[in-house]
Amino acid sequence: MYKNIALLLICFACFSVAAQAGQYLNLDFKHLFNDAKFELNTEYINNNGHNLKFTRLNYYLSGFTITHDGGQTTTLKDTYLLVTEKGGLQSLGEVEFTNIEGISFYVGVDKYANHGDPAQYPNKHPLSLKSPSMHWGWAAGYIFTALDGKSDTGDKSFNTNFEYHVVGDEFYSAVNITSKNAVKGINGVTVSVSVDVAQWVKDADFVANSIIHGGGPYIAAFMKNIINNPVFFETQGFNNIDNPLRDGEVKIGCVPGAYCANMVYTFANLPFISVYVYNISGQLVELQPKLPAQGQVTIANNLPSGRYFIKITDAANNQRAIHQSSVTLVK
């Protein structure tokens, strides 16, 4: 009898471990400037009315805590990301969770690692020596954020260089993101994070205060924007699909003389579909739920000019994403 009880306990323990097995968690970064895609050497206008062209955007993230499964939290130790202007997918490694509810982190490098030697890390590690440099020496530490570019006051000359290089433990800035649209695929669970550079540089005067390395009031205001403004937020529902369109066909065309798109579609073996339309910031701007699995529909009929993302889901299977595409509407 004791032997049977012991066997049951062993089996139960094995089941418990399996139920709590980890899965890879990824962040997919998408940089914006207001509603436009952020790109280097592209002209933007900030809220001060200055024309800007950015030539560099690098920043560190660390101190990750994952909220999941009814408010449980898991802290990720020794996890660092170096994000560039290209954004893209970065892995936080394997984490034990079932349903993710939020992610918190800091822009910068924690105090312990900030004053270490970057030469101790292998070349591909985020904290290793970089070119251009992201480190100011052991005493000062890492450059938390490097934002470079050129500003213009109206003559289109872009003859004023600006550099905001953030250095100092006091600028370690907290970010909290609620996650409702994580996507599970073959590479793990992915949370898409939008980063609005326009909100980050709000009120920054790159003409009058152009070259600032270290700290001071202008750097402090620049980093406080992360806390006070919607700089980091979850992209609402538009992510990569690991299982693309199968047994279906979608054709999207602009209606002549109209500012909308006509979508003709056919999906085999599905009773219903739902159509979601998102703007470039990832905000849901139109939803047409539970449509027949074959037919045509007019989308974005009352939306302004711009680029929109379209997601089609299996309405009978927990809104599983089965197709994504984009359309540009011009008035």
Protein backbone atom coordinates (compact mmCIF):
# COMPACT_ATOMS: atom_id res chain seq x y z
CA MET A 1 0.00 0.00 0.00
CA TYR A 2 2.78 2.42 0.92
CA LYS A 3 4.44 1.61 -2.37
CA ASN A 4 1.25 2.54 -4.26
CA ILE A 5 0.90 5.82 -2.32
CA ALA A 6 4.50 6.72 -3.09
CA LEU A 7 3.91 5.96 -6.75
CA LEU A 8 0.81 8.17 -6.78
CA LEU A 9 2.73 11.02 -5.15
CA ILE A 10 5.50 10.73 -7.73
CA CYS A 11 2.97 10.77 -10.58
CA PHE A 12 1.18 13.76 -9.07
CA ALA A 13 4.47 15.62 -8.75
CA CYS A 14 5.27 14.87 -12.39
CA PHE A 15 1.86 16.19 -13.45
CA SER A 16 2.31 19.36 -11.41
CA VAL A 17 5.66 20.11 -13.02
CA ALA A 18 4.20 19.52 -16.48
CA ALA A 19 1.28 21.84 -15.78
CA GLN A 20 3.67 24.62 -14.78
CA ALA A 21 6.10 24.15 -17.68
CA GLY A 22 7.53 27.40 -18.98
CA GLN A 23 7.04 28.99 -22.37
CA TYR A 24 9.07 31.58 -24.21
CA LEU A 25 7.94 35.18 -23.85
CA ASN A 26 8.76 37.69 -26.57
CA LEU A 27 8.34 41.43 -26.99
CA ASP A 28 7.80 42.81 -30.50
CA PHE A 29 8.73 46.52 -30.59
CA LYS A 30 7.13 48.90 -33.09
CA HIS A 31 8.30 52.53 -33.08
CA LEU A 32 5.90 55.31 -34.05
CA PHE A 33 5.91 59.07 -34.33
CA ASN A 34 2.29 59.88 -33.56
CA ASP A 35 0.38 57.76 -36.09
CA ALA A 36 3.30 57.37 -38.53
CA LYS A 37 5.91 54.63 -38.58
CA PHE A 38 9.16 55.89 -37.02
CA GLU A 39 12.14 55.76 -39.35
CA LEU A 40 15.56 57.36 -39.34
CA ASN A 41 16.26 60.32 -41.66
CA THR A 42 12.55 60.95 -42.08
CA GLU A 43 11.11 64.40 -41.42
CA TYR A 44 8.74 64.79 -38.46
CA ILE A 45 7.27 67.80 -36.67
CA ASN A 46 7.17 67.84 -32.88
CA ASN A 47 4.65 69.63 -30.69
CA ASN A 48 6.94 72.69 -30.58
CA GLY A 49 6.58 73.07 -34.34
CA HIS A 50 10.19 72.11 -35.05
CA ASN A 51 11.08 69.91 -37.99
CA LEU A 52 13.18 66.93 -36.89
CA LYS A 53 15.13 64.13 -38.52
CA PHE A 54 16.41 61.37 -36.26
CA THR A 55 19.67 59.57 -36.95
CA ARG A 56 19.89 57.28 -33.90
CA LEU A 57 17.62 55.73 -31.30
CA ASN A 58 19.01 53.19 -28.81
CA TYR A 59 17.78 52.41 -25.31
CA TYR A 60 18.17 49.79 -22.61
CA LEU A 61 15.37 47.94 -20.82
CA SER A 62 15.81 45.92 -17.62
CA GLY A 63 14.09 45.01 -14.34
CA PHE A 64 11.31 42.97 -15.95
CA THR A 65 8.36 41.70 -13.90
CA ILE A 66 5.60 39.63 -15.50
CA THR A 67 2.04 39.71 -14.13
CA HIS A 68 0.07 36.58 -15.00
CA ASP A 69 -2.63 34.10 -13.99
CA GLY A 70 -4.79 36.17 -11.67
CA GLY A 71 -2.22 38.67 -10.44
CA GLN A 72 0.77 36.41 -9.84
CA THR A 73 4.13 38.07 -10.51
CA THR A 74 7.41 36.67 -11.76
CA THR A 75 10.59 38.76 -11.73
CA LEU A 76 13.17 38.08 -14.43
CA LYS A 77 16.67 38.41 -13.04
CA ASP A 78 19.65 39.48 -15.14
CA THR A 79 17.50 40.16 -18.19
CA TYR A 80 18.51 43.10 -20.37
CA LEU A 81 17.41 44.31 -23.78
CA LEU A 82 19.07 46.85 -26.06
CA VAL A 83 16.42 48.17 -28.43
CA THR A 84 17.31 50.06 -31.61
CA GLU A 85 15.22 52.20 -33.94
CA LYS A 86 14.41 49.06 -35.96
CA GLY A 87 12.49 47.55 -33.05
CA GLY A 88 11.49 43.99 -33.82
CA LEU A 89 11.22 40.79 -31.82
CA GLN A 90 13.27 40.23 -28.67
CA SER A 91 13.00 37.28 -26.29
CA LEU A 92 12.77 37.50 -22.51
CA GLY A 93 13.51 33.79 -22.27
CA GLU A 94 11.44 30.99 -20.77
CA VAL A 95 8.88 32.01 -18.15
CA GLU A 96 6.35 29.87 -16.25
CA PHE A 97 2.86 31.22 -16.90
CA THR A 98 -0.41 30.32 -18.58
CA ASN A 99 -2.04 33.69 -19.29
CA ILE A 100 -0.05 36.91 -19.30
CA GLU A 101 -1.76 40.01 -17.89
CA GLY A 102 0.95 42.65 -17.87
CA ILE A 103 4.64 43.51 -18.09
CA SER A 104 6.56 46.09 -16.10
CA PHE A 105 10.15 47.13 -16.71
CA TYR A 106 12.53 50.06 -16.51
CA VAL A 107 14.14 52.12 -19.22
CA GLY A 108 17.83 51.97 -18.33
CA VAL A 109 20.15 49.56 -16.55
CA ASP A 110 19.69 48.61 -12.90
CA LYS A 111 22.13 50.09 -10.39
CA TYR A 112 23.98 46.83 -9.81
CA ALA A 113 24.83 46.22 -13.48
CA ASN A 114 25.08 49.89 -14.42
CA HIS A 115 28.50 50.30 -12.85
CA GLY A 116 30.01 47.03 -14.03
CA ASP A 117 32.57 46.40 -16.74
CA PRO A 118 31.04 45.89 -20.22
CA ALA A 119 34.16 43.97 -21.26
CA GLN A 120 33.06 41.05 -19.04
CA TYR A 121 30.14 40.21 -21.35
CA PRO A 122 30.30 38.22 -24.60
CA ASN A 123 29.94 40.25 -27.79
CA LYS A 124 26.26 39.49 -28.38
CA HIS A 125 25.18 40.37 -24.84
CA PRO A 126 23.20 43.65 -24.62
CA LEU A 127 25.61 45.01 -21.98
CA SER A 128 28.80 44.28 -23.92
CA LEU A 129 30.85 47.02 -25.60
CA LYS A 130 28.95 48.58 -28.51
CA SER A 131 29.74 50.78 -31.48
CA PRO A 132 28.61 53.52 -31.29
CA SER A 133 29.21 53.32 -27.56
CA MET A 134 26.42 52.87 -25.04
CA HIS A 135 28.73 53.18 -22.03
CA TRP A 136 30.29 56.19 -20.27
CA GLY A 137 32.76 54.42 -18.01
CA TRP A 138 32.46 52.60 -14.67
CA ALA A 139 31.71 55.68 -12.60
CA ALA A 140 28.94 57.06 -14.83
CA GLY A 141 27.64 53.76 -16.19
CA TYR A 142 25.65 52.98 -19.30
CA ILE A 143 23.89 55.40 -21.62
CA PHE A 144 20.27 54.56 -20.84
CA THR A 145 18.97 56.25 -23.99
CA ALA A 146 20.79 57.69 -27.00
CA LEU A 147 18.65 59.88 -29.24
CA ASP A 148 20.43 61.78 -32.03
CA GLY A 149 19.25 63.78 -34.99
CA LYS A 150 19.01 67.13 -36.76
CA SER A 151 16.56 69.96 -36.14
CA ASP A 152 15.34 72.78 -38.33
CA THR A 153 13.61 76.07 -37.56
CA GLY A 154 11.78 76.47 -40.85
CA ASP A 155 14.29 76.84 -43.69
CA LYS A 156 14.60 73.07 -44.33
CA SER A 157 18.35 73.20 -43.76
CA PHE A 158 18.40 70.81 -40.77
CA ASN A 159 21.69 72.36 -39.74
CA THR A 160 21.39 71.92 -35.95
CA ASN A 161 22.57 68.58 -34.59
CA PHE A 162 21.02 67.32 -31.37
CA GLU A 163 22.10 64.54 -29.02
CA TYR A 164 20.27 63.46 -25.88
CA HIS A 165 22.39 60.84 -24.09
CA VAL A 166 20.87 59.85 -20.75
CA VAL A 167 23.33 58.80 -18.03
CA GLY A 168 22.69 58.33 -14.30
CA ASP A 169 20.93 55.97 -11.88
CA GLU A 170 18.34 58.65 -11.09
CA PHE A 171 16.90 58.34 -14.61
CA TYR A 172 15.99 54.65 -14.24
CA SER A 173 12.34 55.06 -15.35
CA ALA A 174 9.45 52.65 -14.73
CA VAL A 175 7.01 51.45 -17.38
CA ASN A 176 3.85 49.39 -16.78
CA ILE A 177 1.97 47.75 -19.64
CA THR A 178 -1.34 45.92 -19.37
CA SER A 179 -1.49 43.05 -21.84
CA LYS A 180 -4.76 41.87 -23.37
CA ASN A 181 -3.62 40.92 -26.86
CA ALA A 182 -0.70 38.54 -26.44
CA VAL A 183 -0.43 36.04 -29.29
CA LYS A 184 0.64 32.43 -28.77
CA GLY A 185 2.53 30.80 -31.63
CA ILE A 186 5.26 28.33 -32.41
CA ASN A 187 7.90 30.72 -31.05
CA GLY A 188 6.14 31.25 -27.72
CA VAL A 189 3.91 34.06 -26.52
CA THR A 190 4.45 37.50 -28.07
CA VAL A 191 3.36 40.87 -26.72
CA SER A 192 3.51 43.65 -29.29
CA VAL A 193 4.78 46.91 -27.75
CA SER A 194 4.31 50.25 -29.49
CA VAL A 195 6.76 53.04 -28.62
CA ASP A 196 5.61 56.56 -29.54
CA VAL A 197 8.73 58.69 -29.98
CA ALA A 198 6.58 61.81 -30.40
CA GLN A 199 5.31 61.40 -26.83
CA TRP A 200 8.84 60.70 -25.62
CA VAL A 201 10.24 63.97 -27.05
CA LYS A 202 7.17 66.05 -26.18
CA ASP A 203 8.13 69.64 -25.23
CA ALA A 204 11.83 68.95 -25.85
CA ASP A 205 13.48 71.94 -27.53
CA PHE A 206 16.18 70.43 -29.71
CA VAL A 207 17.00 73.84 -31.19
CA ALA A 208 17.74 75.73 -27.96
CA ASN A 209 19.05 72.71 -26.03
CA SER A 210 20.68 70.54 -28.63
CA ILE A 211 23.66 68.63 -27.18
CA ILE A 212 23.09 67.19 -23.71
CA HIS A 213 25.12 64.26 -22.38
CA GLY A 214 24.54 63.01 -18.84
CA GLY A 215 21.78 64.60 -16.77
CA GLY A 216 20.26 67.93 -15.87
CA PRO A 217 16.73 69.37 -16.07
CA TYR A 218 16.22 68.77 -19.81
CA ILE A 219 17.22 65.13 -19.57
CA ALA A 220 15.00 64.78 -16.48
CA ALA A 221 12.00 66.18 -18.37
CA PHE A 222 12.78 63.94 -21.34
CA MET A 223 12.74 60.82 -19.15
CA LYS A 224 9.68 61.92 -17.17
CA ASN A 225 7.75 61.82 -20.43
CA ILE A 226 8.03 58.03 -20.20
CA ILE A 227 6.04 58.14 -16.96
CA ASN A 228 3.66 60.99 -17.76
CA ASN A 229 2.87 60.27 -21.42
CA PRO A 230 1.74 57.17 -23.35
CA VAL A 231 5.19 56.33 -24.70
CA PHE A 232 5.13 52.55 -24.20
CA PHE A 233 1.85 50.67 -24.68
CA GLU A 234 0.60 47.38 -26.00
CA THR A 235 -0.26 47.37 -29.67
CA GLN A 236 -3.94 46.54 -29.71
CA GLY A 237 -4.33 43.24 -31.42
CA PHE A 238 -2.11 43.38 -34.52
CA ASN A 239 0.71 40.85 -34.26
CA ASN A 240 2.46 38.33 -36.43
CA ILE A 241 0.56 35.11 -37.11
CA ASP A 242 2.46 31.84 -36.85
CA ASN A 243 -0.33 29.98 -38.66
CA PRO A 244 -1.11 32.04 -41.78
CA LEU A 245 -4.14 31.91 -44.06
CA ARG A 246 -5.19 28.36 -44.90
CA ASP A 247 -8.04 27.11 -47.08
CA GLY A 248 -9.05 30.66 -47.84
CA GLU A 249 -8.70 33.59 -50.19
CA VAL A 250 -8.86 37.33 -49.55
CA LYS A 251 -8.81 40.09 -52.15
CA ILE A 252 -8.91 43.76 -51.14
CA GLY A 253 -9.43 46.59 -53.59
CA CYS A 254 -10.20 50.29 -53.24
CA VAL A 255 -13.60 51.37 -54.46
CA PRO A 256 -13.26 53.98 -57.27
CA GLY A 257 -14.29 57.41 -56.04
CA ALA A 258 -14.63 56.25 -52.44
CA TYR A 259 -12.40 56.25 -49.39
CA CYS A 260 -12.99 52.68 -48.37
CA ALA A 261 -11.93 49.22 -49.44
CA ASN A 262 -13.96 46.34 -50.80
CA MET A 263 -12.91 42.95 -49.48
CA VAL A 264 -13.97 39.76 -51.25
CA TYR A 265 -13.19 36.62 -49.30
CA THR A 266 -13.75 32.88 -49.15
CA PHE A 267 -12.86 30.53 -46.30
CA ALA A 268 -13.44 26.80 -46.52
CA ASN A 269 -14.66 24.81 -43.52
CA LEU A 270 -15.44 27.85 -41.37
CA PRO A 271 -18.96 28.84 -40.31
CA PHE A 272 -18.21 32.51 -39.52
CA ILE A 273 -15.39 35.06 -39.52
CA SER A 274 -14.83 38.42 -37.83
CA VAL A 275 -13.01 41.38 -39.40
CA TYR A 276 -10.94 43.76 -37.26
CA VAL A 277 -9.46 47.01 -38.60
CA TYR A 278 -6.62 48.79 -36.73
CA ASN A 279 -4.87 52.09 -37.36
CA ILE A 280 -1.08 52.31 -37.48
CA SER A 281 -0.96 52.88 -33.72
CA GLY A 282 -2.62 49.53 -33.19
CA GLN A 283 -5.96 50.94 -32.03
CA LEU A 284 -9.09 49.06 -33.04
CA VAL A 285 -11.13 51.42 -35.24
CA GLU A 286 -13.64 49.04 -36.81
CA LEU A 287 -15.08 45.61 -36.03
CA GLN A 288 -17.46 43.55 -38.15
CA PRO A 289 -18.22 40.41 -36.15
CA LYS A 290 -19.62 37.04 -37.18
CA LEU A 291 -19.78 37.45 -40.93
CA PRO A 292 -20.54 34.54 -43.28
CA ALA A 293 -17.40 32.65 -44.27
CA GLN A 294 -17.86 33.64 -47.92
CA GLY A 295 -18.87 36.97 -49.40
CA GLN A 296 -17.76 40.58 -49.62
CA VAL A 297 -17.73 43.49 -47.21
CA THR A 298 -16.88 47.20 -47.32
CA ILE A 299 -14.32 48.19 -44.71
CA ALA A 300 -12.96 51.51 -43.41
CA ASN A 301 -15.90 53.35 -44.95
CA ASN A 302 -15.80 56.34 -42.58
CA LEU A 303 -12.12 56.43 -41.66
CA PRO A 304 -9.63 59.16 -42.61
CA SER A 305 -6.77 58.67 -45.05
CA GLY A 306 -3.94 56.49 -43.85
CA ARG A 307 -2.64 52.96 -43.55
CA TYR A 308 -4.78 50.36 -41.82
CA PHE A 309 -4.20 46.78 -40.74
CA ILE A 310 -6.86 44.15 -41.25
CA LYS A 311 -7.13 41.01 -39.16
CA ILE A 312 -9.58 38.21 -39.91
CA THR A 313 -10.40 35.71 -37.19
CA ASP A 314 -12.23 32.43 -36.90
CA ALA A 315 -15.36 33.59 -35.08
CA ALA A 316 -16.23 30.05 -34.01
CA ASN A 317 -12.82 29.23 -32.53
CA ASN A 318 -11.98 31.84 -29.87
CA GLN A 319 -11.27 34.48 -32.51
CA ARG A 320 -8.16 32.63 -33.72
CA ALA A 321 -6.35 34.88 -36.20
CA ILE A 322 -6.29 33.35 -39.69
CA HIS A 323 -5.30 36.28 -41.92
CA GLN A 324 -3.68 39.71 -41.72
CA SER A 325 -3.05 42.32 -44.38
CA SER A 326 -2.86 46.08 -44.78
CA VAL A 327 -4.47 48.71 -46.98
CA THR A 328 -3.67 52.38 -47.57
CA LEU A 329 -6.64 54.71 -48.06
CA VAL A 330 -6.10 58.08 -49.75
CA LYS A 331 -8.67 60.85 -49.93
